[in-house]
Amino acid sequence: MRDLAADLGVAVGTVQRAYRELEAGGIVTTRRRVGTIVADGAPTAPPQPQLQEAAHAFVARARADGMSDPAILGLVRGALLTT
């Protein structure tokens, strides 16, 4: 929690409170030796239609350019890490 608070530039208590609220809402569960994970059946926001269309177009274009599914996933993961 300290590392996350430092990364976000907020107080450790703020991060602790956010974790407690996420647990109370059933979004995450925290277990010793495992850490905090997204809870099974946690509610998710439905994807926006424009984003779904963009994702489908991206995959279609990448496949047309000869990229494999693992390579496409790697490209997306890389974008998530640098954005």
PDB file of N, CA and C in Angstrom:
ATOM      1  N   MET A   1       0.821  -1.189   0.000  1.00  0.00           N
ATOM      2  CA  MET A   1       0.000   0.000   0.000  1.00  0.00           C
ATOM      3  C   MET A   1       0.866   1.255   0.000  1.00  0.00           C
ATOM      4  N   ARG A   2       2.001   1.153   0.676  1.00  0.00           N
ATOM      5  CA  ARG A   2       2.898   2.317   0.708  1.00  0.00           C
ATOM      6  C   ARG A   2       3.426   2.639  -0.684  1.00  0.00           C
ATOM      7  N   ASP A   3       3.802   1.592  -1.424  1.00  0.00           N
ATOM      8  CA  ASP A   3       4.309   1.816  -2.779  1.00  0.00           C
ATOM      9  C   ASP A   3       3.242   2.427  -3.677  1.00  0.00           C
ATOM     10  N   LEU A   4       2.023   1.903  -3.582  1.00  0.00           N
ATOM     11  CA  LEU A   4       0.926   2.432  -4.391  1.00  0.00           C
ATOM     12  C   LEU A   4       0.650   3.885  -4.029  1.00  0.00           C
ATOM     13  N   ALA A   5       0.622   4.184  -2.739  1.00  0.00           N
ATOM     14  CA  ALA A   5       0.386   5.560  -2.297  1.00  0.00           C
ATOM     15  C   ALA A   5       1.478   6.477  -2.838  1.00  0.00           C
ATOM     16  N   ALA A   6       2.724   6.024  -2.791  1.00  0.00           N
ATOM     17  CA  ALA A   6       3.832   6.841  -3.305  1.00  0.00           C
ATOM     18  C   ALA A   6       3.698   7.036  -4.816  1.00  0.00           C
ATOM     19  N   ASP A   7       3.347   5.964  -5.529  1.00  0.00           N
ATOM     20  CA  ASP A   7       3.180   6.062  -6.984  1.00  0.00           C
ATOM     21  C   ASP A   7       2.073   7.042  -7.354  1.00  0.00           C
ATOM     22  N   LEU A   8       1.002   7.037  -6.562  1.00  0.00           N
ATOM     23  CA  LEU A   8      -0.143   7.898  -6.857  1.00  0.00           C
ATOM     24  C   LEU A   8      -0.011   9.288  -6.256  1.00  0.00           C
ATOM     25  N   GLY A   9       0.942   9.448  -5.337  1.00  0.00           N
ATOM     26  CA  GLY A   9       1.118  10.738  -4.682  1.00  0.00           C
ATOM     27  C   GLY A   9       0.014  11.059  -3.696  1.00  0.00           C
ATOM     28  N   VAL A  10      -0.489  10.024  -3.021  1.00  0.00           N
ATOM     29  CA  VAL A  10      -1.539  10.207  -2.021  1.00  0.00           C
ATOM     30  C   VAL A  10      -1.081   9.601  -0.695  1.00  0.00           C
ATOM     31  N   ALA A  11      -1.812   9.874   0.351  1.00  0.00           N
ATOM     32  CA  ALA A  11      -1.491   9.335   1.670  1.00  0.00           C
ATOM     33  C   ALA A  11      -1.808   7.841   1.735  1.00  0.00           C
ATOM     34  N   VAL A  12      -1.048   7.117   2.539  1.00  0.00           N
ATOM     35  CA  VAL A  12      -1.267   5.682   2.716  1.00  0.00           C
ATOM     36  C   VAL A  12      -2.683   5.425   3.220  1.00  0.00           C
ATOM     37  N   GLY A  13      -3.179   6.270   4.122  1.00  0.00           N
ATOM     38  CA  GLY A  13      -4.542   6.112   4.639  1.00  0.00           C
ATOM     39  C   GLY A  13      -5.590   6.182   3.542  1.00  0.00           C
ATOM     40  N   THR A  14      -5.339   6.981   2.524  1.00  0.00           N
ATOM     41  CA  THR A  14      -6.275   7.085   1.394  1.00  0.00           C
ATOM     42  C   THR A  14      -6.334   5.767   0.643  1.00  0.00           C
ATOM     43  N   VAL A  15      -5.185   5.162   0.420  1.00  0.00           N
ATOM     44  CA  VAL A  15      -5.143   3.872  -0.271  1.00  0.00           C
ATOM     45  C   VAL A  15      -5.819   2.799   0.583  1.00  0.00           C
ATOM     46  N   GLN A  16      -5.545   2.798   1.879  1.00  0.00           N
ATOM     47  CA  GLN A  16      -6.174   1.815   2.772  1.00  0.00           C
ATOM     48  C   GLN A  16      -7.689   1.955   2.743  1.00  0.00           C
ATOM     49  N   ARG A  17      -8.175   3.179   2.778  1.00  0.00           N
ATOM     50  CA  ARG A  17      -9.623   3.396   2.743  1.00  0.00           C
ATOM     51  C   ARG A  17     -10.215   2.917   1.419  1.00  0.00           C
ATOM     52  N   ALA A  18      -9.522   3.189   0.318  1.00  0.00           N
ATOM     53  CA  ALA A  18     -10.010   2.738  -0.989  1.00  0.00           C
ATOM     54  C   ALA A  18     -10.100   1.217  -1.024  1.00  0.00           C
ATOM     55  N   TYR A  19      -9.084   0.541  -0.498  1.00  0.00           N
ATOM     56  CA  TYR A  19      -9.121  -0.926  -0.451  1.00  0.00           C
ATOM     57  C   TYR A  19     -10.297  -1.412   0.395  1.00  0.00           C
ATOM     58  N   ARG A  20     -10.513  -0.795   1.569  1.00  0.00           N
ATOM     59  CA  ARG A  20     -11.637  -1.200   2.435  1.00  0.00           C
ATOM     60  C   ARG A  20     -12.964  -1.024   1.708  1.00  0.00           C
ATOM     61  N   GLU A  21     -13.124   0.092   1.005  1.00  0.00           N
ATOM     62  CA  GLU A  21     -14.382   0.341   0.297  1.00  0.00           C
ATOM     63  C   GLU A  21     -14.572  -0.638  -0.857  1.00  0.00           C
ATOM     64  N   LEU A  22     -13.487  -0.978  -1.551  1.00  0.00           N
ATOM     65  CA  LEU A  22     -13.593  -1.965  -2.628  1.00  0.00           C
ATOM     66  C   LEU A  22     -13.960  -3.340  -2.075  1.00  0.00           C
ATOM     67  N   GLU A  23     -13.405  -3.686  -0.910  1.00  0.00           N
ATOM     68  CA  GLU A  23     -13.759  -4.960  -0.272  1.00  0.00           C
ATOM     69  C   GLU A  23     -15.215  -4.953   0.182  1.00  0.00           C
ATOM     70  N   ALA A  24     -15.646  -3.850   0.791  1.00  0.00           N
ATOM     71  CA  ALA A  24     -17.031  -3.745   1.267  1.00  0.00           C
ATOM     72  C   ALA A  24     -18.015  -3.832   0.107  1.00  0.00           C
ATOM     73  N   GLY A  25     -17.619  -3.344  -1.040  1.00  0.00           N
ATOM     74  CA  GLY A  25     -18.490  -3.390  -2.216  1.00  0.00           C
ATOM     75  C   GLY A  25     -18.428  -4.703  -2.970  1.00  0.00           C
ATOM     76  N   GLY A  26     -17.595  -5.630  -2.496  1.00  0.00           N
ATOM     77  CA  GLY A  26     -17.511  -6.932  -3.151  1.00  0.00           C
ATOM     78  C   GLY A  26     -16.709  -6.911  -4.440  1.00  0.00           C
ATOM     79  N   ILE A  27     -15.947  -5.869  -4.653  1.00  0.00           N
ATOM     80  CA  ILE A  27     -15.178  -5.749  -5.894  1.00  0.00           C
ATOM     81  C   ILE A  27     -13.860  -6.520  -5.794  1.00  0.00           C
ATOM     82  N   VAL A  28     -13.209  -6.456  -4.634  1.00  0.00           N
ATOM     83  CA  VAL A  28     -11.945  -7.170  -4.426  1.00  0.00           C
ATOM     84  C   VAL A  28     -12.026  -7.991  -3.150  1.00  0.00           C
ATOM     85  N   THR A  29     -11.141  -8.965  -3.059  1.00  0.00           N
ATOM     86  CA  THR A  29     -10.971  -9.727  -1.825  1.00  0.00           C
ATOM     87  C   THR A  29      -9.486  -9.731  -1.490  1.00  0.00           C
ATOM     88  N   THR A  30      -9.198  -9.692  -0.205  1.00  0.00           N
ATOM     89  CA  THR A  30      -7.816  -9.705   0.244  1.00  0.00           C
ATOM     90  C   THR A  30      -7.596 -10.939   1.085  1.00  0.00           C
ATOM     91  N   ARG A  31      -6.546 -11.687   0.739  1.00  0.00           N
ATOM     92  CA  ARG A  31      -6.196 -12.891   1.485  1.00  0.00           C
ATOM     93  C   ARG A  31      -4.722 -12.849   1.819  1.00  0.00           C
ATOM     94  N   ARG A  32      -4.391 -13.337   2.998  1.00  0.00           N
ATOM     95  CA  ARG A  32      -2.994 -13.416   3.387  1.00  0.00           C
ATOM     96  C   ARG A  32      -2.234 -14.305   2.421  1.00  0.00           C
ATOM     97  N   ARG A  33      -1.023 -13.926   2.156  1.00  0.00           N
ATOM     98  CA  ARG A  33      -0.110 -14.649   1.267  1.00  0.00           C
ATOM     99  C   ARG A  33      -0.537 -14.643  -0.189  1.00  0.00           C
ATOM    100  N   VAL A  34      -1.714 -14.135  -0.494  1.00  0.00           N
ATOM    101  CA  VAL A  34      -2.176 -14.062  -1.884  1.00  0.00           C
ATOM    102  C   VAL A  34      -2.234 -12.605  -2.330  1.00  0.00           C
ATOM    103  N   GLY A  35      -2.671 -11.747  -1.441  1.00  0.00           N
ATOM    104  CA  GLY A  35      -2.805 -10.332  -1.768  1.00  0.00           C
ATOM    105  C   GLY A  35      -4.233  -9.978  -2.092  1.00  0.00           C
ATOM    106  N   THR A  36      -4.406  -8.878  -2.745  1.00  0.00           N
ATOM    107  CA  THR A  36      -5.734  -8.396  -3.122  1.00  0.00           C
ATOM    108  C   THR A  36      -5.982  -8.727  -4.575  1.00  0.00           C
ATOM    109  N   ILE A  37      -7.135  -9.347  -4.832  1.00  0.00           N
ATOM    110  CA  ILE A  37      -7.498  -9.736  -6.199  1.00  0.00           C
ATOM    111  C   ILE A  37      -8.931  -9.310  -6.472  1.00  0.00           C
ATOM    112  N   VAL A  38      -9.267  -9.207  -7.741  1.00  0.00           N
ATOM    113  CA  VAL A  38     -10.642  -8.890  -8.126  1.00  0.00           C
ATOM    114  C   VAL A  38     -11.515 -10.079  -7.742  1.00  0.00           C
ATOM    115  N   ALA A  39     -12.631  -9.802  -7.103  1.00  0.00           N
ATOM    116  CA  ALA A  39     -13.528 -10.850  -6.625  1.00  0.00           C
ATOM    117  C   ALA A  39     -14.244 -11.521  -7.784  1.00  0.00           C
ATOM    118  N   ASP A  40     -14.508 -12.808  -7.621  1.00  0.00           N
ATOM    119  CA  ASP A  40     -15.320 -13.522  -8.608  1.00  0.00           C
ATOM    120  C   ASP A  40     -16.695 -12.871  -8.649  1.00  0.00           C
ATOM    121  N   GLY A  41     -17.185 -12.627  -9.829  1.00  0.00           N
ATOM    122  CA  GLY A  41     -18.507 -12.032  -9.969  1.00  0.00           C
ATOM    123  C   GLY A  41     -18.540 -10.545  -9.673  1.00  0.00           C
ATOM    124  N   ALA A  42     -17.370  -9.905  -9.611  1.00  0.00           N
ATOM    125  CA  ALA A  42     -17.345  -8.457  -9.360  1.00  0.00           C
ATOM    126  C   ALA A  42     -18.036  -7.743 -10.510  1.00  0.00           C
ATOM    127  N   PRO A  43     -18.834  -6.731 -10.180  1.00  0.00           N
ATOM    128  CA  PRO A  43     -19.525  -6.017 -11.247  1.00  0.00           C
ATOM    129  C   PRO A  43     -18.528  -5.290 -12.139  1.00  0.00           C
ATOM    130  N   THR A  44     -18.803  -5.290 -13.416  1.00  0.00           N
ATOM    131  CA  THR A  44     -17.967  -4.570 -14.364  1.00  0.00           C
ATOM    132  C   THR A  44     -18.842  -3.644 -15.186  1.00  0.00           C
ATOM    133  N   ALA A  45     -18.259  -2.567 -15.610  1.00  0.00           N
ATOM    134  CA  ALA A  45     -18.998  -1.628 -16.455  1.00  0.00           C
ATOM    135  C   ALA A  45     -19.113  -2.221 -17.853  1.00  0.00           C
ATOM    136  N   PRO A  46     -20.280  -2.117 -18.458  1.00  0.00           N
ATOM    137  CA  PRO A  46     -20.412  -2.639 -19.819  1.00  0.00           C
ATOM    138  C   PRO A  46     -19.550  -1.820 -20.771  1.00  0.00           C
ATOM    139  N   PRO A  47     -18.885  -2.473 -21.717  1.00  0.00           N
ATOM    140  CA  PRO A  47     -18.053  -1.725 -22.648  1.00  0.00           C
ATOM    141  C   PRO A  47     -18.898  -0.821 -23.533  1.00  0.00           C
ATOM    142  N   GLN A  48     -18.357   0.320 -23.854  1.00  0.00           N
ATOM    143  CA  GLN A  48     -19.057   1.251 -24.727  1.00  0.00           C
ATOM    144  C   GLN A  48     -19.042   0.708 -26.146  1.00  0.00           C
ATOM    145  N   PRO A  49     -20.145   0.844 -26.879  1.00  0.00           N
ATOM    146  CA  PRO A  49     -20.211   0.301 -28.239  1.00  0.00           C
ATOM    147  C   PRO A  49     -19.078   0.797 -29.147  1.00  0.00           C
ATOM    148  N   GLN A  50     -18.702   2.081 -29.020  1.00  0.00           N
ATOM    149  CA  GLN A  50     -17.636   2.601 -29.887  1.00  0.00           C
ATOM    150  C   GLN A  50     -16.306   1.912 -29.574  1.00  0.00           C
ATOM    151  N   LEU A  51     -16.069   1.626 -28.284  1.00  0.00           N
ATOM    152  CA  LEU A  51     -14.824   0.955 -27.921  1.00  0.00           C
ATOM    153  C   LEU A  51     -14.811  -0.485 -28.412  1.00  0.00           C
ATOM    154  N   GLN A  52     -15.962  -1.144 -28.340  1.00  0.00           N
ATOM    155  CA  GLN A  52     -16.047  -2.509 -28.860  1.00  0.00           C
ATOM    156  C   GLN A  52     -15.770  -2.523 -30.354  1.00  0.00           C
ATOM    157  N   GLU A  53     -16.352  -1.580 -31.071  1.00  0.00           N
ATOM    158  CA  GLU A  53     -16.132  -1.497 -32.520  1.00  0.00           C
ATOM    159  C   GLU A  53     -14.665  -1.234 -32.826  1.00  0.00           C
ATOM    160  N   ALA A  54     -14.042  -0.332 -32.061  1.00  0.00           N
ATOM    161  CA  ALA A  54     -12.630  -0.018 -32.280  1.00  0.00           C
ATOM    162  C   ALA A  54     -11.756  -1.238 -32.000  1.00  0.00           C
ATOM    163  N   ALA A  55     -12.088  -1.982 -30.947  1.00  0.00           N
ATOM    164  CA  ALA A  55     -11.318  -3.183 -30.617  1.00  0.00           C
ATOM    165  C   ALA A  55     -11.436  -4.224 -31.722  1.00  0.00           C
ATOM    166  N   HIS A  56     -12.648  -4.426 -32.219  1.00  0.00           N
ATOM    167  CA  HIS A  56     -12.858  -5.387 -33.304  1.00  0.00           C
ATOM    168  C   HIS A  56     -12.111  -4.953 -34.564  1.00  0.00           C
ATOM    169  N   ALA A  57     -12.152  -3.667 -34.875  1.00  0.00           N
ATOM    170  CA  ALA A  57     -11.451  -3.153 -36.051  1.00  0.00           C
ATOM    171  C   ALA A  57      -9.939  -3.327 -35.888  1.00  0.00           C
ATOM    172  N   PHE A  58      -9.435  -3.065 -34.682  1.00  0.00           N
ATOM    173  CA  PHE A  58      -8.004  -3.228 -34.424  1.00  0.00           C
ATOM    174  C   PHE A  58      -7.580  -4.682 -34.638  1.00  0.00           C
ATOM    175  N   VAL A  59      -8.326  -5.615 -34.053  1.00  0.00           N
ATOM    176  CA  VAL A  59      -7.982  -7.035 -34.185  1.00  0.00           C
ATOM    177  C   VAL A  59      -8.055  -7.459 -35.642  1.00  0.00           C
ATOM    178  N   ALA A  60      -9.089  -7.038 -36.354  1.00  0.00           N
ATOM    179  CA  ALA A  60      -9.220  -7.404 -37.764  1.00  0.00           C
ATOM    180  C   ALA A  60      -8.039  -6.871 -38.573  1.00  0.00           C
ATOM    181  N   ARG A  61      -7.645  -5.637 -38.321  1.00  0.00           N
ATOM    182  CA  ARG A  61      -6.517  -5.035 -39.054  1.00  0.00           C
ATOM    183  C   ARG A  61      -5.214  -5.754 -38.712  1.00  0.00           C
ATOM    184  N   ALA A  62      -5.010  -6.041 -37.431  1.00  0.00           N
ATOM    185  CA  ALA A  62      -3.780  -6.720 -37.015  1.00  0.00           C
ATOM    186  C   ALA A  62      -3.699  -8.114 -37.627  1.00  0.00           C
ATOM    187  N   ARG A  63      -4.813  -8.833 -37.655  1.00  0.00           N
ATOM    188  CA  ARG A  63      -4.823 -10.167 -38.261  1.00  0.00           C
ATOM    189  C   ARG A  63      -4.594 -10.070 -39.768  1.00  0.00           C
ATOM    190  N   ALA A  64      -5.187  -9.063 -40.406  1.00  0.00           N
ATOM    191  CA  ALA A  64      -4.990  -8.875 -41.841  1.00  0.00           C
ATOM    192  C   ALA A  64      -3.529  -8.571 -42.160  1.00  0.00           C
ATOM    193  N   ASP A  65      -2.841  -7.940 -41.224  1.00  0.00           N
ATOM    194  CA  ASP A  65      -1.420  -7.642 -41.395  1.00  0.00           C
ATOM    195  C   ASP A  65      -0.539  -8.832 -41.028  1.00  0.00           C
ATOM    196  N   GLY A  66      -1.175  -9.965 -40.681  1.00  0.00           N
ATOM    197  CA  GLY A  66      -0.432 -11.190 -40.419  1.00  0.00           C
ATOM    198  C   GLY A  66      -0.013 -11.408 -38.979  1.00  0.00           C
ATOM    199  N   MET A  67      -0.520 -10.603 -38.056  1.00  0.00           N
ATOM    200  CA  MET A  67      -0.138 -10.774 -36.655  1.00  0.00           C
ATOM    201  C   MET A  67      -0.906 -11.944 -36.036  1.00  0.00           C
ATOM    202  N   SER A  68      -0.227 -12.690 -35.168  1.00  0.00           N
ATOM    203  CA  SER A  68      -0.877 -13.772 -34.433  1.00  0.00           C
ATOM    204  C   SER A  68      -1.627 -13.186 -33.234  1.00  0.00           C
ATOM    205  N   ASP A  69      -2.555 -13.964 -32.683  1.00  0.00           N
ATOM    206  CA  ASP A  69      -3.295 -13.494 -31.510  1.00  0.00           C
ATOM    207  C   ASP A  69      -2.364 -13.185 -30.329  1.00  0.00           C
ATOM    208  N   PRO A  70      -1.373 -14.047 -30.034  1.00  0.00           N
ATOM    209  CA  PRO A  70      -0.453 -13.693 -28.944  1.00  0.00           C
ATOM    210  C   PRO A  70       0.305 -12.384 -29.209  1.00  0.00           C
ATOM    211  N   ALA A  71       0.659 -12.136 -30.463  1.00  0.00           N
ATOM    212  CA  ALA A  71       1.359 -10.891 -30.794  1.00  0.00           C
ATOM    213  C   ALA A  71       0.428  -9.685 -30.618  1.00  0.00           C
ATOM    214  N   ILE A  72      -0.835  -9.853 -30.980  1.00  0.00           N
ATOM    215  CA  ILE A  72      -1.811  -8.778 -30.802  1.00  0.00           C
ATOM    216  C   ILE A  72      -1.976  -8.471 -29.320  1.00  0.00           C
ATOM    217  N   LEU A  73      -2.114  -9.530 -28.506  1.00  0.00           N
ATOM    218  CA  LEU A  73      -2.238  -9.328 -27.061  1.00  0.00           C
ATOM    219  C   LEU A  73      -1.005  -8.641 -26.498  1.00  0.00           C
ATOM    220  N   GLY A  74       0.168  -9.017 -26.982  1.00  0.00           N
ATOM    221  CA  GLY A  74       1.397  -8.383 -26.540  1.00  0.00           C
ATOM    222  C   GLY A  74       1.424  -6.905 -26.870  1.00  0.00           C
ATOM    223  N   LEU A  75       0.912  -6.553 -28.031  1.00  0.00           N
ATOM    224  CA  LEU A  75       0.837  -5.150 -28.438  1.00  0.00           C
ATOM    225  C   LEU A  75      -0.080  -4.366 -27.507  1.00  0.00           C
ATOM    226  N   VAL A  76      -1.226  -4.954 -27.184  1.00  0.00           N
ATOM    227  CA  VAL A  76      -2.172  -4.293 -26.272  1.00  0.00           C
ATOM    228  C   VAL A  76      -1.570  -4.172 -24.875  1.00  0.00           C
ATOM    229  N   ARG A  77      -0.955  -5.237 -24.385  1.00  0.00           N
ATOM    230  CA  ARG A  77      -0.324  -5.179 -23.058  1.00  0.00           C
ATOM    231  C   ARG A  77       0.747  -4.093 -23.008  1.00  0.00           C
ATOM    232  N   GLY A  78       1.536  -4.006 -24.066  1.00  0.00           N
ATOM    233  CA  GLY A  78       2.557  -2.967 -24.122  1.00  0.00           C
ATOM    234  C   GLY A  78       1.957  -1.581 -24.077  1.00  0.00           C
ATOM    235  N   ALA A  79       0.847  -1.394 -24.773  1.00  0.00           N
ATOM    236  CA  ALA A  79       0.170  -0.086 -24.763  1.00  0.00           C
ATOM    237  C   ALA A  79      -0.378   0.222 -23.370  1.00  0.00           C
ATOM    238  N   LEU A  80      -0.910  -0.792 -22.684  1.00  0.00           N
ATOM    239  CA  LEU A  80      -1.427  -0.575 -21.336  1.00  0.00           C
ATOM    240  C   LEU A  80      -0.322  -0.170 -20.371  1.00  0.00           C
ATOM    241  N   LEU A  81       0.841  -0.722 -20.552  1.00  0.00           N
ATOM    242  CA  LEU A  81       1.951  -0.427 -19.655  1.00  0.00           C
ATOM    243  C   LEU A  81       2.566   0.949 -19.898  1.00  0.00           C
ATOM    244  N   THR A  82       2.405   1.461 -21.095  1.00  0.00           N
ATOM    245  CA  THR A  82       3.034   2.755 -21.413  1.00  0.00           C
ATOM    246  C   THR A  82       2.047   3.900 -21.457  1.00  0.00           C
ATOM    247  N   THR A  83       0.809   3.621 -21.186  1.00  0.00           N
ATOM    248  CA  THR A  83      -0.198   4.690 -21.234  1.00  0.00           C
ATOM    249  C   THR A  83      -0.553   5.142 -19.849  1.00  0.00           C
TER     250      THR A  83
END
